[in-house]
């Protein structure tokens, strides 16, 4: 992709109606902070891989760690980050915890897949 130089207006003018309309549509500061946290949680390749794995099937931390060939402790920390952002659900079966995607995470996986032309 070719980089284009930044261009700016040579005069300062304000379209009050346009600005008022844009301000009404702008998410609140709190909403933008939440979105930034979600994007940060999605900003690590291992967490994207975890989301992809869990989009295929629910898994316990051991299964995810084995697929990614990473230590269980590392995967556990990534799962914790995704849980904190409410991107994962879980169910317990005896001593095992099985993780799955929330509806919001499924939408994120679909969106990211659409952006990249393939699933994440």
PDB file of N, CA and C in Angstrom:
ATOM      1  N   UNK A   1       0.835  -1.171   0.000  1.00  0.00           N
ATOM      2  CA  UNK A   1       0.000   0.000   0.000  1.00  0.00           C
ATOM      3  C   UNK A   1       0.885   1.242   0.000  1.00  0.00           C
ATOM      4  N   UNK A   2       0.579   2.139  -0.872  1.00  0.00           N
ATOM      5  CA  UNK A   2       1.360   3.366  -0.998  1.00  0.00           C
ATOM      6  C   UNK A   2       0.992   4.345   0.114  1.00  0.00           C
ATOM      7  N   UNK A   3       2.010   4.908   0.752  1.00  0.00           N
ATOM      8  CA  UNK A   3       1.762   5.913   1.784  1.00  0.00           C
ATOM      9  C   UNK A   3       1.532   7.247   1.121  1.00  0.00           C
ATOM     10  N   UNK A   4       0.486   7.924   1.602  1.00  0.00           N
ATOM     11  CA  UNK A   4       0.166   9.236   1.059  1.00  0.00           C
ATOM     12  C   UNK A   4       0.478  10.283   2.118  1.00  0.00           C
ATOM     13  N   UNK A   5       0.984  11.423   1.705  1.00  0.00           N
ATOM     14  CA  UNK A   5       1.275  12.471   2.692  1.00  0.00           C
ATOM     15  C   UNK A   5      -0.016  13.011   3.295  1.00  0.00           C
ATOM     16  N   UNK A   6       0.058  13.444   4.526  1.00  0.00           N
ATOM     17  CA  UNK A   6      -1.096  14.020   5.207  1.00  0.00           C
ATOM     18  C   UNK A   6      -1.394  15.390   4.627  1.00  0.00           C
ATOM     19  N   UNK A   7      -2.639  15.635   4.338  1.00  0.00           N
ATOM     20  CA  UNK A   7      -3.075  16.933   3.819  1.00  0.00           C
ATOM     21  C   UNK A   7      -4.042  17.545   4.819  1.00  0.00           C
ATOM     22  N   UNK A   8      -3.972  18.839   4.985  1.00  0.00           N
ATOM     23  CA  UNK A   8      -4.841  19.553   5.907  1.00  0.00           C
ATOM     24  C   UNK A   8      -5.406  20.779   5.212  1.00  0.00           C
ATOM     25  N   UNK A   9      -6.535  21.250   5.718  1.00  0.00           N
ATOM     26  CA  UNK A   9      -7.127  22.473   5.164  1.00  0.00           C
ATOM     27  C   UNK A   9      -6.144  23.630   5.300  1.00  0.00           C
ATOM     28  N   UNK A  10      -6.194  24.524   4.344  1.00  0.00           N
ATOM     29  CA  UNK A  10      -5.317  25.701   4.412  1.00  0.00           C
ATOM     30  C   UNK A  10      -6.004  26.867   5.110  1.00  0.00           C
ATOM     31  N   UNK A  11      -7.310  26.748   5.339  1.00  0.00           N
ATOM     32  CA  UNK A  11      -8.053  27.756   6.107  1.00  0.00           C
ATOM     33  C   UNK A  11      -8.857  27.026   7.176  1.00  0.00           C
ATOM     34  N   UNK A  12      -9.157  27.716   8.253  1.00  0.00           N
ATOM     35  CA  UNK A  12      -9.959  27.130   9.317  1.00  0.00           C
ATOM     36  C   UNK A  12     -11.395  27.611   9.146  1.00  0.00           C
ATOM     37  N   UNK A  13     -12.302  26.645   8.992  1.00  0.00           N
ATOM     38  CA  UNK A  13     -13.712  26.973   8.886  1.00  0.00           C
ATOM     39  C   UNK A  13     -14.497  25.955   9.707  1.00  0.00           C
ATOM     40  N   UNK A  14     -15.676  26.305  10.112  1.00  0.00           N
ATOM     41  CA  UNK A  14     -16.480  25.403  10.916  1.00  0.00           C
ATOM     42  C   UNK A  14     -17.876  25.290  10.325  1.00  0.00           C
ATOM     43  N   UNK A  15     -18.317  24.080  10.125  1.00  0.00           N
ATOM     44  CA  UNK A  15     -19.675  23.806   9.692  1.00  0.00           C
ATOM     45  C   UNK A  15     -20.420  23.392  10.958  1.00  0.00           C
ATOM     46  N   UNK A  16     -21.089  24.335  11.601  1.00  0.00           N
ATOM     47  CA  UNK A  16     -21.704  24.110  12.907  1.00  0.00           C
ATOM     48  C   UNK A  16     -22.699  22.962  12.899  1.00  0.00           C
ATOM     49  N   UNK A  17     -23.509  22.823  11.868  1.00  0.00           N
ATOM     50  CA  UNK A  17     -24.487  21.735  11.805  1.00  0.00           C
ATOM     51  C   UNK A  17     -23.791  20.383  11.709  1.00  0.00           C
ATOM     52  N   UNK A  18     -22.779  20.331  10.868  1.00  0.00           N
ATOM     53  CA  UNK A  18     -22.032  19.078  10.697  1.00  0.00           C
ATOM     54  C   UNK A  18     -21.350  18.690  11.999  1.00  0.00           C
ATOM     55  N   UNK A  19     -20.703  19.647  12.651  1.00  0.00           N
ATOM     56  CA  UNK A  19     -19.999  19.382  13.905  1.00  0.00           C
ATOM     57  C   UNK A  19     -20.978  18.917  14.974  1.00  0.00           C
ATOM     58  N   UNK A  20     -22.129  19.569  15.079  1.00  0.00           N
ATOM     59  CA  UNK A  20     -23.144  19.179  16.074  1.00  0.00           C
ATOM     60  C   UNK A  20     -23.625  17.746  15.818  1.00  0.00           C
ATOM     61  N   UNK A  21     -23.853  17.405  14.556  1.00  0.00           N
ATOM     62  CA  UNK A  21     -24.281  16.049  14.207  1.00  0.00           C
ATOM     63  C   UNK A  21     -23.231  15.006  14.536  1.00  0.00           C
ATOM     64  N   UNK A  22     -21.968  15.329  14.239  1.00  0.00           N
ATOM     65  CA  UNK A  22     -20.879  14.396  14.538  1.00  0.00           C
ATOM     66  C   UNK A  22     -20.705  14.204  16.038  1.00  0.00           C
ATOM     67  N   UNK A  23     -20.835  15.291  16.799  1.00  0.00           N
ATOM     68  CA  UNK A  23     -20.709  15.200  18.255  1.00  0.00           C
ATOM     69  C   UNK A  23     -21.794  14.313  18.849  1.00  0.00           C
ATOM     70  N   UNK A  24     -23.012  14.387  18.305  1.00  0.00           N
ATOM     71  CA  UNK A  24     -24.116  13.560  18.793  1.00  0.00           C
ATOM     72  C   UNK A  24     -23.837  12.076  18.560  1.00  0.00           C
ATOM     73  N   UNK A  25     -23.148  11.765  17.472  1.00  0.00           N
ATOM     74  CA  UNK A  25     -22.875  10.372  17.114  1.00  0.00           C
ATOM     75  C   UNK A  25     -21.615   9.817  17.770  1.00  0.00           C
ATOM     76  N   UNK A  26     -20.801  10.682  18.339  1.00  0.00           N
ATOM     77  CA  UNK A  26     -19.554  10.250  18.957  1.00  0.00           C
ATOM     78  C   UNK A  26     -19.856   9.484  20.249  1.00  0.00           C
ATOM     79  N   UNK A  27     -19.285   8.292  20.417  1.00  0.00           N
ATOM     80  CA  UNK A  27     -19.500   7.554  21.672  1.00  0.00           C
ATOM     81  C   UNK A  27     -18.965   8.359  22.860  1.00  0.00           C
ATOM     82  N   UNK A  28     -19.476   8.042  24.041  1.00  0.00           N
ATOM     83  CA  UNK A  28     -19.019   8.725  25.252  1.00  0.00           C
ATOM     84  C   UNK A  28     -17.574   8.331  25.544  1.00  0.00           C
ATOM     85  N   UNK A  29     -16.935   9.114  26.392  1.00  0.00           N
ATOM     86  CA  UNK A  29     -15.555   8.813  26.792  1.00  0.00           C
ATOM     87  C   UNK A  29     -15.476   7.424  27.419  1.00  0.00           C
ATOM     88  N   UNK A  30     -16.445   7.081  28.241  1.00  0.00           N
ATOM     89  CA  UNK A  30     -16.475   5.763  28.894  1.00  0.00           C
ATOM     90  C   UNK A  30     -16.591   4.645  27.855  1.00  0.00           C
ATOM     91  N   UNK A  31     -17.446   4.836  26.850  1.00  0.00           N
ATOM     92  CA  UNK A  31     -17.602   3.840  25.790  1.00  0.00           C
ATOM     93  C   UNK A  31     -16.308   3.697  24.977  1.00  0.00           C
ATOM     94  N   UNK A  32     -15.640   4.812  24.706  1.00  0.00           N
ATOM     95  CA  UNK A  32     -14.385   4.762  23.962  1.00  0.00           C
ATOM     96  C   UNK A  32     -13.291   4.060  24.765  1.00  0.00           C
ATOM     97  N   UNK A  33     -13.262   4.291  26.078  1.00  0.00           N
ATOM     98  CA  UNK A  33     -12.286   3.604  26.928  1.00  0.00           C
ATOM     99  C   UNK A  33     -12.521   2.090  26.905  1.00  0.00           C
ATOM    100  N   UNK A  34     -13.777   1.672  27.000  1.00  0.00           N
ATOM    101  CA  UNK A  34     -14.098   0.248  26.963  1.00  0.00           C
ATOM    102  C   UNK A  34     -13.691  -0.360  25.627  1.00  0.00           C
ATOM    103  N   UNK A  35     -13.950   0.355  24.548  1.00  0.00           N
ATOM    104  CA  UNK A  35     -13.575  -0.126  23.223  1.00  0.00           C
ATOM    105  C   UNK A  35     -12.056  -0.249  23.098  1.00  0.00           C
ATOM    106  N   UNK A  36     -11.333   0.720  23.635  1.00  0.00           N
ATOM    107  CA  UNK A  36      -9.869   0.677  23.587  1.00  0.00           C
ATOM    108  C   UNK A  36      -9.339  -0.529  24.370  1.00  0.00           C
ATOM    109  N   UNK A  37      -9.952  -0.819  25.523  1.00  0.00           N
ATOM    110  CA  UNK A  37      -9.534  -1.992  26.306  1.00  0.00           C
ATOM    111  C   UNK A  37      -9.771  -3.274  25.516  1.00  0.00           C
ATOM    112  N   UNK A  38     -10.934  -3.362  24.850  1.00  0.00           N
ATOM    113  CA  UNK A  38     -11.230  -4.538  24.036  1.00  0.00           C
ATOM    114  C   UNK A  38     -10.200  -4.693  22.922  1.00  0.00           C
ATOM    115  N   UNK A  39      -9.896  -3.583  22.260  1.00  0.00           N
ATOM    116  CA  UNK A  39      -8.925  -3.643  21.167  1.00  0.00           C
ATOM    117  C   UNK A  39      -7.543  -4.033  21.689  1.00  0.00           C
ATOM    118  N   UNK A  40      -7.201  -3.550  22.864  1.00  0.00           N
ATOM    119  CA  UNK A  40      -5.919  -3.921  23.451  1.00  0.00           C
ATOM    120  C   UNK A  40      -5.898  -5.419  23.762  1.00  0.00           C
ATOM    121  N   UNK A  41      -7.009  -5.927  24.273  1.00  0.00           N
ATOM    122  CA  UNK A  41      -7.098  -7.365  24.566  1.00  0.00           C
ATOM    123  C   UNK A  41      -6.961  -8.181  23.286  1.00  0.00           C
ATOM    124  N   UNK A  42      -7.435  -7.633  22.186  1.00  0.00           N
ATOM    125  CA  UNK A  42      -7.350  -8.335  20.897  1.00  0.00           C
ATOM    126  C   UNK A  42      -6.026  -8.077  20.192  1.00  0.00           C
ATOM    127  N   UNK A  43      -5.180  -7.255  20.800  1.00  0.00           N
ATOM    128  CA  UNK A  43      -3.950  -6.822  20.148  1.00  0.00           C
ATOM    129  C   UNK A  43      -2.758  -7.731  20.342  1.00  0.00           C
ATOM    130  N   UNK A  44      -2.968  -8.957  20.741  1.00  0.00           N
ATOM    131  CA  UNK A  44      -1.850  -9.895  20.916  1.00  0.00           C
ATOM    132  C   UNK A  44      -2.119 -11.129  20.061  1.00  0.00           C
ATOM    133  N   UNK A  45      -1.140 -11.564  19.281  1.00  0.00           N
ATOM    134  CA  UNK A  45      -1.358 -12.713  18.387  1.00  0.00           C
ATOM    135  C   UNK A  45      -1.835 -13.970  19.111  1.00  0.00           C
ATOM    136  N   UNK A  46      -1.328 -14.221  20.305  1.00  0.00           N
ATOM    137  CA  UNK A  46      -1.753 -15.425  21.038  1.00  0.00           C
ATOM    138  C   UNK A  46      -3.228 -15.327  21.418  1.00  0.00           C
ATOM    139  N   UNK A  47      -3.678 -14.142  21.819  1.00  0.00           N
ATOM    140  CA  UNK A  47      -5.088 -14.000  22.185  1.00  0.00           C
ATOM    141  C   UNK A  47      -5.983 -14.125  20.953  1.00  0.00           C
ATOM    142  N   UNK A  48      -5.522 -13.627  19.816  1.00  0.00           N
ATOM    143  CA  UNK A  48      -6.282 -13.822  18.572  1.00  0.00           C
ATOM    144  C   UNK A  48      -6.352 -15.304  18.220  1.00  0.00           C
ATOM    145  N   UNK A  49      -5.254 -16.007  18.416  1.00  0.00           N
ATOM    146  CA  UNK A  49      -5.240 -17.449  18.153  1.00  0.00           C
ATOM    147  C   UNK A  49      -6.205 -18.174  19.094  1.00  0.00           C
ATOM    148  N   UNK A  50      -6.223 -17.756  20.353  1.00  0.00           N
ATOM    149  CA  UNK A  50      -7.147 -18.368  21.323  1.00  0.00           C
ATOM    150  C   UNK A  50      -8.586 -18.140  20.885  1.00  0.00           C
ATOM    151  N   UNK A  51      -8.902 -16.925  20.467  1.00  0.00           N
ATOM    152  CA  UNK A  51     -10.262 -16.651  19.992  1.00  0.00           C
ATOM    153  C   UNK A  51     -10.612 -17.523  18.790  1.00  0.00           C
ATOM    154  N   UNK A  52      -9.653 -17.690  17.904  1.00  0.00           N
ATOM    155  CA  UNK A  52      -9.905 -18.541  16.730  1.00  0.00           C
ATOM    156  C   UNK A  52     -10.167 -19.982  17.169  1.00  0.00           C
ATOM    157  N   UNK A  53      -9.323 -20.501  18.045  1.00  0.00           N
ATOM    158  CA  UNK A  53      -9.502 -21.875  18.537  1.00  0.00           C
ATOM    159  C   UNK A  53     -10.880 -22.030  19.176  1.00  0.00           C
ATOM    160  N   UNK A  54     -11.241 -21.080  20.037  1.00  0.00           N
ATOM    161  CA  UNK A  54     -12.517 -21.174  20.749  1.00  0.00           C
ATOM    162  C   UNK A  54     -13.710 -20.894  19.847  1.00  0.00           C
ATOM    163  N   UNK A  55     -13.475 -20.300  18.676  1.00  0.00           N
ATOM    164  CA  UNK A  55     -14.565 -20.133  17.718  1.00  0.00           C
ATOM    165  C   UNK A  55     -14.901 -21.472  17.052  1.00  0.00           C
ATOM    166  N   UNK A  56     -13.957 -22.399  17.122  1.00  0.00           N
ATOM    167  CA  UNK A  56     -14.157 -23.723  16.528  1.00  0.00           C
ATOM    168  C   UNK A  56     -14.781 -24.702  17.509  1.00  0.00           C
ATOM    169  N   UNK A  57     -14.374 -24.585  18.795  1.00  0.00           N
ATOM    170  CA  UNK A  57     -14.880 -25.517  19.811  1.00  0.00           C
ATOM    171  C   UNK A  57     -14.490 -25.015  21.192  1.00  0.00           C
ATOM    172  N   UNK A  58     -15.282 -25.348  22.201  1.00  0.00           N
ATOM    173  CA  UNK A  58     -14.895 -25.000  23.566  1.00  0.00           C
ATOM    174  C   UNK A  58     -13.695 -25.852  23.958  1.00  0.00           C
ATOM    175  N   UNK A  59     -12.824 -25.307  24.801  1.00  0.00           N
ATOM    176  CA  UNK A  59     -11.612 -26.011  25.199  1.00  0.00           C
ATOM    177  C   UNK A  59     -11.240 -25.659  26.632  1.00  0.00           C
ATOM    178  N   UNK A  60     -10.508 -26.566  27.261  1.00  0.00           N
ATOM    179  CA  UNK A  60      -9.906 -26.250  28.556  1.00  0.00           C
ATOM    180  C   UNK A  60      -8.536 -25.620  28.284  1.00  0.00           C
ATOM    181  N   UNK A  61      -7.958 -25.017  29.308  1.00  0.00           N
ATOM    182  CA  UNK A  61      -6.674 -24.334  29.148  1.00  0.00           C
ATOM    183  C   UNK A  61      -5.592 -25.287  28.632  1.00  0.00           C
ATOM    184  N   UNK A  62      -5.647 -26.534  29.067  1.00  0.00           N
ATOM    185  CA  UNK A  62      -4.636 -27.521  28.630  1.00  0.00           C
ATOM    186  C   UNK A  62      -4.719 -27.764  27.127  1.00  0.00           C
ATOM    187  N   UNK A  63      -5.947 -27.862  26.612  1.00  0.00           N
ATOM    188  CA  UNK A  63      -6.127 -28.072  25.170  1.00  0.00           C
ATOM    189  C   UNK A  63      -5.584 -26.886  24.375  1.00  0.00           C
ATOM    190  N   UNK A  64      -5.919 -25.680  24.822  1.00  0.00           N
ATOM    191  CA  UNK A  64      -5.465 -24.473  24.123  1.00  0.00           C
ATOM    192  C   UNK A  64      -3.940 -24.393  24.157  1.00  0.00           C
ATOM    193  N   UNK A  65      -3.362 -24.664  25.329  1.00  0.00           N
ATOM    194  CA  UNK A  65      -1.904 -24.618  25.474  1.00  0.00           C
ATOM    195  C   UNK A  65      -1.235 -25.624  24.544  1.00  0.00           C
ATOM    196  N   UNK A  66      -1.824 -26.802  24.419  1.00  0.00           N
ATOM    197  CA  UNK A  66      -1.247 -27.832  23.558  1.00  0.00           C
ATOM    198  C   UNK A  66      -1.331 -27.428  22.090  1.00  0.00           C
ATOM    199  N   UNK A  67      -2.462 -26.863  21.681  1.00  0.00           N
ATOM    200  CA  UNK A  67      -2.613 -26.411  20.293  1.00  0.00           C
ATOM    201  C   UNK A  67      -1.600 -25.313  19.973  1.00  0.00           C
ATOM    202  N   UNK A  68      -1.435 -24.366  20.902  1.00  0.00           N
ATOM    203  CA  UNK A  68      -0.532 -23.237  20.666  1.00  0.00           C
ATOM    204  C   UNK A  68       0.931 -23.564  20.963  1.00  0.00           C
ATOM    205  N   UNK A  69       1.159 -24.720  21.570  1.00  0.00           N
ATOM    206  CA  UNK A  69       2.503 -25.122  21.976  1.00  0.00           C
ATOM    207  C   UNK A  69       3.138 -24.068  22.880  1.00  0.00           C
ATOM    208  N   UNK A  70       2.333 -23.636  23.863  1.00  0.00           N
ATOM    209  CA  UNK A  70       2.768 -22.641  24.843  1.00  0.00           C
ATOM    210  C   UNK A  70       2.512 -23.195  26.239  1.00  0.00           C
ATOM    211  N   UNK A  71       3.229 -22.691  27.240  1.00  0.00           N
ATOM    212  CA  UNK A  71       2.993 -23.157  28.610  1.00  0.00           C
ATOM    213  C   UNK A  71       1.565 -22.849  29.072  1.00  0.00           C
ATOM    214  N   UNK A  72       1.027 -23.725  29.890  1.00  0.00           N
ATOM    215  CA  UNK A  72      -0.313 -23.539  30.434  1.00  0.00           C
ATOM    216  C   UNK A  72      -0.411 -22.203  31.171  1.00  0.00           C
ATOM    217  N   UNK A  73       0.638 -21.836  31.894  1.00  0.00           N
ATOM    218  CA  UNK A  73       0.603 -20.577  32.651  1.00  0.00           C
ATOM    219  C   UNK A  73       0.467 -19.368  31.727  1.00  0.00           C
ATOM    220  N   UNK A  74       1.126 -19.399  30.581  1.00  0.00           N
ATOM    221  CA  UNK A  74       1.032 -18.303  29.612  1.00  0.00           C
ATOM    222  C   UNK A  74      -0.374 -18.210  29.037  1.00  0.00           C
ATOM    223  N   UNK A  75      -0.904 -19.348  28.624  1.00  0.00           N
ATOM    224  CA  UNK A  75      -2.254 -19.384  28.052  1.00  0.00           C
ATOM    225  C   UNK A  75      -3.280 -18.967  29.099  1.00  0.00           C
ATOM    226  N   UNK A  76      -3.070 -19.385  30.329  1.00  0.00           N
ATOM    227  CA  UNK A  76      -3.968 -19.018  31.412  1.00  0.00           C
ATOM    228  C   UNK A  76      -4.036 -17.497  31.589  1.00  0.00           C
ATOM    229  N   UNK A  77      -2.904 -16.832  31.495  1.00  0.00           N
ATOM    230  CA  UNK A  77      -2.883 -15.368  31.607  1.00  0.00           C
ATOM    231  C   UNK A  77      -3.631 -14.708  30.445  1.00  0.00           C
ATOM    232  N   UNK A  78      -3.467 -15.258  29.254  1.00  0.00           N
ATOM    233  CA  UNK A  78      -4.193 -14.725  28.101  1.00  0.00           C
ATOM    234  C   UNK A  78      -5.705 -14.941  28.273  1.00  0.00           C
ATOM    235  N   UNK A  79      -6.089 -16.112  28.769  1.00  0.00           N
ATOM    236  CA  UNK A  79      -7.504 -16.377  29.015  1.00  0.00           C
ATOM    237  C   UNK A  79      -8.058 -15.415  30.061  1.00  0.00           C
ATOM    238  N   UNK A  80      -7.267 -15.121  31.073  1.00  0.00           N
ATOM    239  CA  UNK A  80      -7.684 -14.180  32.116  1.00  0.00           C
ATOM    240  C   UNK A  80      -7.965 -12.808  31.516  1.00  0.00           C
ATOM    241  N   UNK A  81      -7.098 -12.353  30.624  1.00  0.00           N
ATOM    242  CA  UNK A  81      -7.292 -11.062  29.965  1.00  0.00           C
ATOM    243  C   UNK A  81      -8.582 -11.061  29.158  1.00  0.00           C
ATOM    244  N   UNK A  82      -8.813 -12.121  28.413  1.00  0.00           N
ATOM    245  CA  UNK A  82     -10.026 -12.214  27.599  1.00  0.00           C
ATOM    246  C   UNK A  82     -11.276 -12.326  28.472  1.00  0.00           C
ATOM    247  N   UNK A  83     -11.171 -13.030  29.593  1.00  0.00           N
ATOM    248  CA  UNK A  83     -12.295 -13.136  30.537  1.00  0.00           C
ATOM    249  C   UNK A  83     -12.616 -11.774  31.126  1.00  0.00           C
ATOM    250  N   UNK A  84     -11.581 -11.018  31.502  1.00  0.00           N
ATOM    251  CA  UNK A  84     -11.772  -9.699  32.102  1.00  0.00           C
ATOM    252  C   UNK A  84     -12.544  -8.773  31.171  1.00  0.00           C
ATOM    253  N   UNK A  85     -12.328  -8.935  29.883  1.00  0.00           N
ATOM    254  CA  UNK A  85     -13.017  -8.112  28.883  1.00  0.00           C
ATOM    255  C   UNK A  85     -14.349  -8.726  28.448  1.00  0.00           C
ATOM    256  N   UNK A  86     -14.799  -9.747  29.173  1.00  0.00           N
ATOM    257  CA  UNK A  86     -16.089 -10.397  28.918  1.00  0.00           C
ATOM    258  C   UNK A  86     -16.179 -10.969  27.501  1.00  0.00           C
ATOM    259  N   UNK A  87     -15.056 -11.473  26.996  1.00  0.00           N
ATOM    260  CA  UNK A  87     -15.039 -12.095  25.675  1.00  0.00           C
ATOM    261  C   UNK A  87     -15.180 -13.610  25.752  1.00  0.00           C
ATOM    262  N   UNK A  88     -15.071 -14.162  26.966  1.00  0.00           N
ATOM    263  CA  UNK A  88     -15.166 -15.608  27.155  1.00  0.00           C
ATOM    264  C   UNK A  88     -16.225 -15.956  28.187  1.00  0.00           C
ATOM    265  N   UNK A  89     -16.868 -17.097  27.965  1.00  0.00           N
ATOM    266  CA  UNK A  89     -17.722 -17.753  28.951  1.00  0.00           C
ATOM    267  C   UNK A  89     -16.991 -19.012  29.391  1.00  0.00           C
ATOM    268  N   UNK A  90     -17.450 -19.607  30.460  1.00  0.00           N
ATOM    269  CA  UNK A  90     -16.863 -20.875  30.881  1.00  0.00           C
ATOM    270  C   UNK A  90     -17.907 -21.738  31.556  1.00  0.00           C
ATOM    271  N   UNK A  91     -17.606 -23.015  31.575  1.00  0.00           N
ATOM    272  CA  UNK A  91     -18.413 -23.966  32.332  1.00  0.00           C
ATOM    273  C   UNK A  91     -17.446 -24.926  33.002  1.00  0.00           C
ATOM    274  N   UNK A  92     -17.833 -25.401  34.180  1.00  0.00           N
ATOM    275  CA  UNK A  92     -16.971 -26.307  34.927  1.00  0.00           C
ATOM    276  C   UNK A  92     -17.538 -27.714  34.850  1.00  0.00           C
ATOM    277  N   UNK A  93     -16.634 -28.664  34.618  1.00  0.00           N
ATOM    278  CA  UNK A  93     -16.980 -30.083  34.578  1.00  0.00           C
ATOM    279  C   UNK A  93     -15.972 -30.800  35.468  1.00  0.00           C
ATOM    280  N   UNK A  94     -16.361 -31.079  36.700  1.00  0.00           N
ATOM    281  CA  UNK A  94     -15.420 -31.642  37.663  1.00  0.00           C
ATOM    282  C   UNK A  94     -14.337 -30.625  37.968  1.00  0.00           C
ATOM    283  N   UNK A  95     -13.090 -31.017  37.740  1.00  0.00           N
ATOM    284  CA  UNK A  95     -11.973 -30.107  37.991  1.00  0.00           C
ATOM    285  C   UNK A  95     -11.572 -29.303  36.756  1.00  0.00           C
ATOM    286  N   UNK A  96     -12.231 -29.577  35.629  1.00  0.00           N
ATOM    287  CA  UNK A  96     -11.883 -28.899  34.378  1.00  0.00           C
ATOM    288  C   UNK A  96     -12.794 -27.700  34.134  1.00  0.00           C
ATOM    289  N   UNK A  97     -12.204 -26.649  33.574  1.00  0.00           N
ATOM    290  CA  UNK A  97     -12.946 -25.460  33.142  1.00  0.00           C
ATOM    291  C   UNK A  97     -12.870 -25.411  31.622  1.00  0.00           C
ATOM    292  N   UNK A  98     -14.020 -25.363  30.978  1.00  0.00           N
ATOM    293  CA  UNK A  98     -14.069 -25.277  29.525  1.00  0.00           C
ATOM    294  C   UNK A  98     -14.477 -23.864  29.132  1.00  0.00           C
ATOM    295  N   UNK A  99     -13.665 -23.257  28.267  1.00  0.00           N
ATOM    296  CA  UNK A  99     -13.889 -21.882  27.819  1.00  0.00           C
ATOM    297  C   UNK A  99     -14.565 -21.875  26.459  1.00  0.00           C
ATOM    298  N   UNK A 100     -15.411 -20.883  26.253  1.00  0.00           N
ATOM    299  CA  UNK A 100     -16.070 -20.675  24.960  1.00  0.00           C
ATOM    300  C   UNK A 100     -16.217 -19.169  24.755  1.00  0.00           C
ATOM    301  N   UNK A 101     -16.569 -18.792  23.538  1.00  0.00           N
ATOM    302  CA  UNK A 101     -16.701 -17.379  23.204  1.00  0.00           C
ATOM    303  C   UNK A 101     -18.065 -16.838  23.606  1.00  0.00           C
ATOM    304  N   UNK A 102     -18.089 -15.588  24.040  1.00  0.00           N
ATOM    305  CA  UNK A 102     -19.353 -14.889  24.221  1.00  0.00           C
ATOM    306  C   UNK A 102     -19.858 -14.471  22.846  1.00  0.00           C
ATOM    307  N   UNK A 103     -21.100 -14.037  22.793  1.00  0.00           N
ATOM    308  CA  UNK A 103     -21.651 -13.550  21.521  1.00  0.00           C
ATOM    309  C   UNK A 103     -20.835 -12.371  21.002  1.00  0.00           C
ATOM    310  N   UNK A 104     -20.412 -11.490  21.915  1.00  0.00           N
ATOM    311  CA  UNK A 104     -19.607 -10.326  21.528  1.00  0.00           C
ATOM    312  C   UNK A 104     -18.280 -10.767  20.899  1.00  0.00           C
ATOM    313  N   UNK A 105     -17.662 -11.782  21.481  1.00  0.00           N
ATOM    314  CA  UNK A 105     -16.393 -12.280  20.942  1.00  0.00           C
ATOM    315  C   UNK A 105     -16.606 -12.927  19.579  1.00  0.00           C
ATOM    316  N   UNK A 106     -17.725 -13.621  19.408  1.00  0.00           N
ATOM    317  CA  UNK A 106     -18.016 -14.222  18.091  1.00  0.00           C
ATOM    318  C   UNK A 106     -18.133 -13.137  17.025  1.00  0.00           C
ATOM    319  N   UNK A 107     -18.781 -12.036  17.374  1.00  0.00           N
ATOM    320  CA  UNK A 107     -18.883 -10.913  16.431  1.00  0.00           C
ATOM    321  C   UNK A 107     -17.508 -10.342  16.117  1.00  0.00           C
ATOM    322  N   UNK A 108     -16.649 -10.241  17.134  1.00  0.00           N
ATOM    323  CA  UNK A 108     -15.287  -9.733  16.924  1.00  0.00           C
ATOM    324  C   UNK A 108     -14.510 -10.654  15.993  1.00  0.00           C
ATOM    325  N   UNK A 109     -14.639 -11.957  16.191  1.00  0.00           N
ATOM    326  CA  UNK A 109     -13.939 -12.925  15.337  1.00  0.00           C
ATOM    327  C   UNK A 109     -14.434 -12.804  13.895  1.00  0.00           C
ATOM    328  N   UNK A 110     -15.750 -12.690  13.726  1.00  0.00           N
ATOM    329  CA  UNK A 110     -16.306 -12.532  12.374  1.00  0.00           C
ATOM    330  C   UNK A 110     -15.818 -11.241  11.732  1.00  0.00           C
ATOM    331  N   UNK A 111     -15.808 -10.156  12.511  1.00  0.00           N
ATOM    332  CA  UNK A 111     -15.367  -8.861  11.997  1.00  0.00           C
ATOM    333  C   UNK A 111     -13.905  -8.897  11.598  1.00  0.00           C
ATOM    334  N   UNK A 112     -13.060  -9.445  12.469  1.00  0.00           N
ATOM    335  CA  UNK A 112     -11.631  -9.518  12.162  1.00  0.00           C
ATOM    336  C   UNK A 112     -11.367 -10.418  10.973  1.00  0.00           C
ATOM    337  N   UNK A 113     -12.142 -11.484  10.848  1.00  0.00           N
ATOM    338  CA  UNK A 113     -12.011 -12.360   9.698  1.00  0.00           C
ATOM    339  C   UNK A 113     -12.389 -11.653   8.411  1.00  0.00           C
ATOM    340  N   UNK A 114     -13.434 -10.837   8.479  1.00  0.00           N
ATOM    341  CA  UNK A 114     -13.854 -10.081   7.302  1.00  0.00           C
ATOM    342  C   UNK A 114     -12.810  -9.058   6.899  1.00  0.00           C
ATOM    343  N   UNK A 115     -12.153  -8.452   7.869  1.00  0.00           N
ATOM    344  CA  UNK A 115     -11.123  -7.459   7.563  1.00  0.00           C
ATOM    345  C   UNK A 115      -9.916  -8.093   6.892  1.00  0.00           C
ATOM    346  N   UNK A 116      -9.561  -9.280   7.369  1.00  0.00           N
ATOM    347  CA  UNK A 116      -8.356  -9.934   6.850  1.00  0.00           C
ATOM    348  C   UNK A 116      -8.625 -10.831   5.660  1.00  0.00           C
ATOM    349  N   UNK A 117      -9.881 -10.999   5.297  1.00  0.00           N
ATOM    350  CA  UNK A 117     -10.204 -11.855   4.169  1.00  0.00           C
ATOM    351  C   UNK A 117     -10.235 -13.325   4.527  1.00  0.00           C
ATOM    352  N   UNK A 118      -9.881 -13.656   5.766  1.00  0.00           N
ATOM    353  CA  UNK A 118      -9.925 -15.036   6.244  1.00  0.00           C
ATOM    354  C   UNK A 118     -10.173 -14.976   7.744  1.00  0.00           C
ATOM    355  N   UNK A 119     -10.532 -16.103   8.318  1.00  0.00           N
ATOM    356  CA  UNK A 119     -10.746 -16.088   9.766  1.00  0.00           C
ATOM    357  C   UNK A 119      -9.409 -15.891  10.460  1.00  0.00           C
ATOM    358  N   UNK A 120      -9.480 -15.337  11.673  1.00  0.00           N
ATOM    359  CA  UNK A 120      -8.235 -15.058  12.409  1.00  0.00           C
ATOM    360  C   UNK A 120      -7.601 -16.326  12.896  1.00  0.00           C
TER     361      UNK A 120
END
